[in-house]
Protein backbone atom coordinates (compact mmCIF):
# COMPACT_ATOMS: atom_id res chain seq x y z
CA MET A 1 -0.33 -32.10 23.25
CA THR A 2 0.62 -28.56 22.29
CA ASP A 3 -0.50 -27.46 18.83
CA LEU A 4 2.51 -25.87 17.11
CA ALA A 5 0.78 -25.51 13.73
CA PRO A 6 0.07 -21.75 14.22
CA LEU A 7 3.77 -21.06 14.92
CA THR A 8 4.82 -23.09 11.90
CA SER A 9 2.29 -21.22 9.74
CA VAL A 10 3.52 -17.81 10.85
CA PHE A 11 7.17 -18.63 10.12
CA ALA A 12 6.14 -19.90 6.68
CA LEU A 13 4.07 -16.77 6.01
CA GLN A 14 6.92 -14.50 7.08
CA ALA A 15 9.32 -16.48 4.89
CA GLY A 16 7.05 -15.89 1.92
CA PHE A 17 6.88 -12.17 2.63
CA CYS A 18 10.68 -11.96 2.95
CA ARG A 19 11.16 -13.77 -0.35
CA SER A 20 8.64 -11.55 -2.18
CA SER A 21 10.35 -8.48 -0.68
CA GLY A 22 13.77 -9.35 -2.05
CA SER A 23 15.19 -11.19 0.95
CA PRO A 24 15.61 -14.85 -0.06
CA PHE A 25 18.26 -15.51 2.60
CA SER A 26 15.97 -14.38 5.43
CA ALA A 27 13.32 -16.69 3.96
CA LEU A 28 15.80 -19.59 4.14
CA VAL A 29 16.49 -18.84 7.81
CA LEU A 30 12.79 -18.74 8.66
CA GLU A 31 12.13 -21.97 6.78
CA ALA A 32 15.03 -23.65 8.58
CA ILE A 33 13.53 -22.65 11.92
CA ALA A 34 10.03 -23.76 10.89
CA ARG A 35 11.29 -27.27 10.10
CA ARG A 36 12.46 -27.71 13.71
CA ILE A 37 9.82 -25.77 15.65
CA HIS A 38 8.42 -29.02 17.03
CA GLU A 39 11.79 -29.98 18.54
CA ARG A 40 12.90 -29.17 22.06
CA PRO A 41 15.70 -28.26 21.95
CA PRO A 42 16.36 -25.99 20.14
CA TYR A 43 13.17 -23.92 19.95
CA GLY A 44 10.82 -25.29 22.59
CA ASP A 45 11.88 -22.91 25.35
CA VAL A 46 12.43 -19.96 23.01
CA LEU A 47 8.93 -20.11 21.54
CA ARG A 48 7.05 -21.44 24.58
CA PRO A 49 5.23 -18.11 25.31
CA TRP A 50 3.46 -18.43 21.94
CA ALA A 51 2.77 -22.17 22.00
CA GLU A 52 -0.94 -21.67 22.77
CA ARG A 53 -1.48 -18.53 20.68
CA ASP A 54 -3.30 -18.32 17.38
CA VAL A 55 -1.79 -17.18 14.08
CA ARG A 56 -3.02 -13.60 14.47
CA GLN A 57 -1.50 -13.19 17.92
CA ILE A 58 1.82 -14.70 16.87
CA PHE A 59 1.98 -12.53 13.77
CA ASP A 60 1.04 -9.36 15.67
CA ASP A 61 3.80 -10.09 18.20
CA ALA A 62 6.32 -10.31 15.32
CA VAL A 63 7.70 -13.54 16.80
CA ALA A 64 9.51 -14.56 13.61
CA LEU A 65 11.14 -11.14 13.25
CA ARG A 66 12.29 -11.20 16.88
CA LEU A 67 14.09 -14.48 16.31
CA ILE A 68 15.81 -13.68 13.01
CA GLY A 69 16.81 -10.32 14.52
CA ALA A 70 18.55 -12.19 17.34
CA PHE A 71 20.48 -14.36 14.89
CA HIS A 72 21.54 -11.32 12.82
CA TYR A 73 22.71 -9.60 16.01
CA LEU A 74 24.93 -12.59 16.82
CA VAL A 75 26.48 -12.22 13.36
CA LEU A 76 26.96 -8.43 13.48
CA SER A 77 28.46 -8.57 16.97
CA ASP A 78 30.97 -11.28 15.96
CA ARG A 79 29.63 -13.66 18.64
CA ALA A 80 28.82 -16.55 16.31
CA PRO A 81 31.53 -17.02 13.65
CA ASP A 82 30.07 -20.34 12.43
CA LEU A 83 26.76 -18.61 11.79
CA ALA A 84 28.44 -15.57 10.23
CA ALA A 85 30.13 -17.87 7.73
CA LEU A 86 26.70 -18.73 6.32
CA TYR A 87 25.37 -15.16 6.28
CA PRO A 88 25.72 -12.49 3.60
CA PRO A 89 27.90 -11.20 2.04
CA HIS A 90 28.52 -14.85 1.13
CA THR A 91 26.81 -15.26 -2.24
CA THR A 92 26.12 -19.01 -2.17
CA ALA A 93 22.93 -20.09 -0.43
CA PRO A 94 23.86 -22.38 2.48
CA CYS A 95 22.83 -26.01 2.62
CA PRO A 96 19.47 -26.13 4.47
CA ASP A 97 20.58 -28.97 6.74
CA LEU A 98 23.80 -27.14 7.67
CA LEU A 99 21.87 -23.92 8.29
CA GLN A 100 19.45 -25.77 10.59
CA ARG A 101 22.32 -27.24 12.62
CA VAL A 102 24.21 -23.97 12.98
CA LEU A 103 21.09 -22.04 13.99
CA ALA A 104 20.27 -24.65 16.63
CA ASP A 105 23.85 -24.46 17.94
CA ALA A 106 23.57 -20.65 18.17
CA VAL A 107 20.45 -21.00 20.34
CA ALA A 108 22.28 -23.42 22.65
CA ARG A 109 25.38 -21.23 22.95
CA HIS A 110 23.75 -17.80 23.15
CA GLY A 111 20.48 -18.34 24.97
CA ASP A 112 20.79 -15.06 26.87
CA VAL A 113 20.97 -13.02 23.67
CA ILE A 114 18.09 -14.95 22.08
CA ALA A 115 15.97 -14.47 25.22
CA SER A 116 16.55 -10.71 25.24
CA PHE A 117 15.33 -10.43 21.66
CA MET A 118 12.27 -12.60 22.28
CA ALA A 119 11.27 -10.49 25.30
CA SER A 120 10.37 -7.38 23.30
CA PRO A 121 8.97 -6.52 19.86
CA PRO A 122 11.38 -5.54 17.07
CA GLN A 123 12.77 -2.06 17.45
CA THR A 124 12.98 -0.93 13.85
CA ASN A 125 13.56 2.45 12.30
CA GLU A 126 13.16 2.05 8.56
CA VAL A 127 14.48 5.30 7.10
CA ALA A 128 12.83 4.67 3.72
CA ARG A 129 9.44 5.39 5.34
CA SER A 130 10.35 9.04 4.93
CA LEU A 131 10.05 8.63 1.15
CA CYS A 132 6.31 8.28 1.75
CA LEU A 133 6.00 10.55 4.80
CA VAL A 134 7.66 13.48 3.03
CA GLY A 135 4.63 13.75 0.74
CA GLY A 136 2.43 14.39 3.78
CA PHE A 137 4.78 16.96 5.26
CA LEU A 138 4.98 18.82 1.95
CA THR A 139 1.19 18.68 1.56
CA VAL A 140 0.71 20.32 4.96
CA ALA A 141 3.37 22.94 4.16
CA ALA A 142 1.65 23.72 0.84
CA GLN A 143 -1.86 23.93 2.30
CA THR A 144 -1.00 25.98 5.38
CA GLY A 145 1.90 28.11 4.16
CA LEU A 146 3.42 27.82 7.64
CA PRO A 147 6.64 26.44 9.10
CA LEU A 148 6.31 22.99 10.65
CA ARG A 149 6.38 21.66 14.21
CA CYS A 150 6.89 17.90 13.86
CA LEU A 151 6.01 15.45 16.66
CA GLU A 152 6.64 11.73 16.14
CA LEU A 153 5.05 8.87 18.09
CA GLY A 154 6.92 5.58 18.43
CA ALA A 155 10.09 7.11 17.00
CA SER A 156 12.57 4.38 17.97
CA ALA A 157 15.96 6.08 17.40
CA GLY A 158 14.34 9.16 15.88
CA LEU A 159 15.91 8.73 12.45
CA ASN A 160 12.78 9.89 10.62
CA MET A 161 12.81 13.07 12.71
CA ASN A 162 15.49 14.12 10.18
CA TRP A 163 13.18 13.68 7.18
CA ASP A 164 13.87 17.23 5.94
CA ARG A 165 17.62 16.57 5.93
CA TYR A 166 17.34 13.75 3.38
CA ARG A 167 17.33 13.92 -0.41
CA TYR A 168 14.34 12.46 -2.31
CA ASP A 169 14.01 11.25 -5.88
CA PHE A 170 10.42 11.05 -7.16
CA GLY A 171 11.35 9.97 -10.69
CA GLY A 172 11.12 11.91 -13.93
CA GLY A 173 13.75 14.39 -12.71
CA ALA A 174 11.59 15.54 -9.77
CA GLY A 175 13.28 15.69 -6.38
CA TRP A 176 13.30 17.49 -3.06
CA GLY A 177 15.97 18.20 -0.48
CA ASP A 178 19.68 18.91 -0.52
CA PRO A 179 21.39 16.99 -3.36
CA ALA A 180 24.48 16.77 -1.13
CA ALA A 181 22.60 15.05 1.71
CA SER A 182 24.24 11.93 3.13
CA VAL A 183 20.96 9.98 2.94
CA HIS A 184 19.27 9.62 -0.46
CA LEU A 185 15.84 8.00 -0.74
CA SER A 186 14.27 6.68 -3.92
CA GLY A 187 11.96 3.91 -5.02
CA ASP A 188 9.42 3.07 -7.67
CA TRP A 189 7.46 6.33 -7.37
CA GLN A 190 4.18 6.09 -9.28
CA GLY A 191 2.12 9.17 -10.06
CA PRO A 192 3.01 12.87 -9.88
CA PRO A 193 5.41 14.15 -7.23
CA PRO A 194 4.06 15.67 -4.02
CA PRO A 195 3.97 19.47 -3.75
CA LEU A 196 7.59 20.57 -4.23
CA VAL A 197 7.40 23.53 -1.85
CA GLU A 198 9.70 24.86 0.81
CA ALA A 199 9.18 23.17 4.17
CA ARG A 200 10.94 24.66 7.18
CA VAL A 201 10.97 22.66 10.41
CA VAL A 202 11.13 24.97 13.42
CA GLU A 203 10.63 22.31 16.09
CA ARG A 204 11.02 18.54 16.19
CA ALA A 205 10.33 16.19 19.10
CA ALA A 206 9.46 12.53 19.57
CA CYS A 207 8.67 9.80 22.06
CA ASP A 208 9.08 6.05 22.37
CA GLN A 209 8.54 3.55 25.17
CA SER A 210 12.08 2.26 24.65
CA PRO A 211 13.99 4.89 22.67
CA ILE A 212 17.27 3.90 21.08
CA ASP A 213 20.29 6.07 21.85
CA VAL A 214 22.30 6.28 18.62
CA ASN A 215 25.37 7.15 20.69
CA ASP A 216 25.31 3.70 22.31
CA PRO A 217 27.12 1.22 20.00
CA ASN A 218 25.24 -1.81 21.33
CA GLN A 219 21.85 -0.16 20.83
CA THR A 220 22.68 0.88 17.26
CA LEU A 221 23.91 -2.66 16.53
CA ARG A 222 20.59 -4.04 17.76
CA LEU A 223 18.77 -1.57 15.52
CA GLN A 224 20.80 -2.80 12.53
CA SER A 225 20.09 -6.43 13.40
CA TYR A 226 16.41 -6.05 12.51
CA VAL A 227 17.34 -5.23 8.91
CA TRP A 228 17.14 -8.42 6.86
CA ALA A 229 20.70 -9.63 6.44
CA ASP A 230 20.72 -9.86 2.64
CA GLN A 231 19.28 -6.37 2.10
CA THR A 232 22.65 -4.64 2.24
CA HIS A 233 21.34 -1.43 0.65
CA ARG A 234 18.94 -0.97 3.57
CA LEU A 235 21.73 -1.63 6.05
CA GLU A 236 24.01 0.93 4.40
CA ARG A 237 21.21 3.50 4.33
CA LEU A 238 20.45 2.86 8.00
CA ARG A 239 24.08 3.35 8.95
CA ALA A 240 24.19 6.65 7.06
CA ALA A 241 21.04 7.83 8.86
CA ILE A 242 22.50 6.80 12.24
CA ALA A 243 25.66 8.80 11.53
CA LEU A 244 23.55 11.85 10.62
CA LYS A 245 21.49 11.46 13.80
CA GLN A 246 24.65 11.26 15.87
CA HIS A 247 25.62 14.61 14.35
CA THR A 248 22.23 16.38 14.67
CA GLY A 249 21.34 14.93 18.12
CA GLY A 250 17.89 14.69 19.68
CA ILE A 251 17.08 11.39 21.41
CA PRO A 252 13.31 10.66 21.59
CA GLU A 253 11.80 11.05 25.03
CA ARG A 254 10.99 7.87 26.94
CA ALA A 255 7.21 8.08 27.42
CA ASP A 256 3.84 6.47 26.88
CA ALA A 257 2.58 7.66 23.49
CA ALA A 258 -0.89 8.63 24.76
CA ASP A 259 0.47 10.59 27.74
CA TRP A 260 3.00 12.31 25.48
CA ALA A 261 0.40 13.18 22.85
CA GLN A 262 -1.88 14.71 25.49
CA ALA A 263 1.01 16.86 26.76
CA HIS A 264 2.50 17.96 23.44
CA VAL A 265 -0.12 17.91 20.67
CA LYS A 266 -1.55 21.41 21.00
CA PRO A 267 -1.98 24.16 18.43
CA GLN A 268 0.67 26.89 18.43
CA ARG A 269 0.20 30.18 16.64
CA GLY A 270 2.39 30.71 13.60
CA VAL A 271 3.26 27.03 13.00
CA ALA A 272 1.56 23.93 11.64
CA THR A 273 1.78 21.18 14.27
CA ILE A 274 2.08 17.71 12.71
CA VAL A 275 1.83 14.58 14.83
CA TYR A 276 2.98 11.59 12.81
CA HIS A 277 3.82 7.91 13.08
CA SER A 278 4.74 4.96 10.84
CA SER A 279 4.44 1.19 11.44
CA PHE A 280 3.56 2.00 15.04
CA ILE A 281 -0.14 2.16 15.80
CA SER A 282 -0.76 -1.62 15.95
CA TYR A 283 1.68 -2.07 18.86
CA PRO A 284 0.01 -0.08 21.69
CA PRO A 285 -3.08 -1.59 23.39
CA GLU A 286 -6.43 -0.51 21.98
CA ALA A 287 -7.07 1.74 24.99
CA VAL A 288 -3.83 3.61 24.30
CA GLN A 289 -4.72 3.95 20.62
CA GLU A 290 -8.05 5.48 21.61
CA ARG A 291 -6.38 7.97 23.96
CA ILE A 292 -3.94 9.00 21.23
CA ALA A 293 -6.81 9.62 18.81
CA ALA A 294 -8.76 11.55 21.43
CA ALA A 295 -5.78 13.78 22.26
CA ILE A 296 -5.24 14.65 18.60
CA GLU A 297 -8.93 15.30 17.98
CA VAL A 298 -9.12 17.59 21.03
CA ALA A 299 -6.18 19.56 19.65
CA GLY A 300 -7.79 19.60 16.22
CA ALA A 301 -10.96 21.13 17.66
CA GLN A 302 -8.81 23.99 18.99
CA ALA A 303 -7.02 24.62 15.69
CA SER A 304 -7.24 27.79 13.63
CA PRO A 305 -5.90 28.95 10.24
CA ASP A 306 -2.74 30.34 11.89
CA ALA A 307 -2.40 27.37 14.30
CA PRO A 308 -3.40 24.21 12.38
CA ILE A 309 -3.12 20.61 13.57
CA ALA A 310 -2.28 17.70 11.25
CA TRP A 311 -2.26 13.95 11.86
CA LEU A 312 -0.08 12.03 9.40
CA SER A 313 0.15 8.24 9.51
CA LYS A 314 1.83 5.56 7.42
CA GLU A 315 0.38 2.27 8.62
CA PRO A 316 -0.66 -1.10 7.13
CA GLU A 317 -3.93 -1.05 5.26
CA PRO A 318 -6.52 -2.87 7.40
CA SER A 319 -7.98 -4.84 4.50
CA SER A 320 -4.81 -5.35 2.48
CA ASP A 321 -2.27 -8.14 2.13
CA ALA A 322 0.83 -7.88 4.31
CA GLY A 323 3.33 -5.40 2.95
CA SER A 324 0.94 -2.70 1.72
CA ASP A 325 0.64 0.54 3.72
CA GLU A 326 -1.40 3.68 3.30
CA LEU A 327 -0.37 7.27 3.97
CA CYS A 328 -3.30 9.14 5.52
CA LEU A 329 -3.68 12.77 6.51
CA ARG A 330 -6.19 14.62 8.67
CA LEU A 331 -5.86 18.42 8.81
CA TRP A 332 -7.66 20.85 11.11
CA MET A 333 -7.57 24.60 10.39
CA GLY A 334 -10.61 25.85 12.30
CA ARG A 335 -12.90 25.52 9.30
CA GLU A 336 -16.05 23.56 8.47
CA GLY A 337 -15.29 20.01 7.39
CA ASP A 338 -11.92 19.93 9.17
CA GLY A 339 -10.29 16.63 10.07
CA GLU A 340 -11.59 14.53 7.19
CA MET A 341 -9.38 11.51 6.53
CA ARG A 342 -7.59 11.67 3.19
CA ARG A 343 -5.48 8.88 1.74
CA LEU A 344 -2.50 10.48 0.05
CA ALA A 345 -0.66 7.35 -1.05
CA GLN A 346 -0.27 3.61 -0.91
CA SER A 347 3.17 2.13 -0.43
CA HIS A 348 5.22 -0.97 0.15
CA ALA A 349 6.06 -1.41 3.84
CA HIS A 350 9.70 -0.49 3.14
CA CYS A 351 8.74 2.00 0.39
CA ALA A 352 10.18 -0.06 -2.45
CA TRP A 353 7.23 1.49 -4.31
CA VAL A 354 4.91 4.43 -3.62
CA ARG A 355 1.62 5.15 -5.44
CA TRP A 356 1.01 8.84 -4.88
CA GLN A 357 -2.60 10.06 -5.03
CA GLY A 358 -2.31 13.40 -3.29
């Protein structure tokens, strides 16, 4: 008999994280699914690929997020009116039994959509990550005094390529960026602000295995579907960032991250080259991760004061509870002691809070 306890545990864990992150409705959806995981239908075929996996494998594959993303897509695309009637902006929490029945009916009616979401990991592009990333960019600008060449790995739709076109509020009256920007980012910023220096981006490029074209309405709708349905502020911010990206252009290149890093991460005289990524590095296989690190370290060994290399990452802390990330920076300038890892900040996964250390 198949042991479905790991799947049930993961959906319960994800529900708890959603609730603690201000998404009680998403928690209700996950709990409704968890109560019927053992039934076939509705979820036996949908979750069959993970029926023999352990909790770690299921969690790493973001199985729960794939499924609630599929349901949100059905709502946003007006394909499931009965389900939409239970989703935000309705303010009353739906009856759990009714929610279970309507979710099960959505699986039966829209199996093709559900299957497409379950076939690939969530394609997210959380714009608020830039609230943390900007501190790293400004640190590199302050320490090198050079314009920036910014290269992003796993960029999705490339929304965080526009980090310098957003406005930031660091609390206490400190801010950076154009006050008239269409995307404003703020959170519970703890500690002093990052270096408030001029940062001029002279080149920006990015890659992703499955880049999202913001000019394709269906692709942008899928991107929005991975935002938790009751976090309307995140959805509005995402839509503003998509509109800005449609205006500025620049679709990430479809490429393997390691191959792309080997081809592009090289020192260039007169600019500081920054390779960066956020909520990305756990997805590629370990061999690809190692090749990415090797490519950056080779470039770092070739760096000089007028052609530095920086590696900026915002990724989950290895030894921390889910939801806590760390912003780390390695900088090579052709000097002794180059490339030492420095933790600049800790943050919530969606940057609801940032603890700046600098």
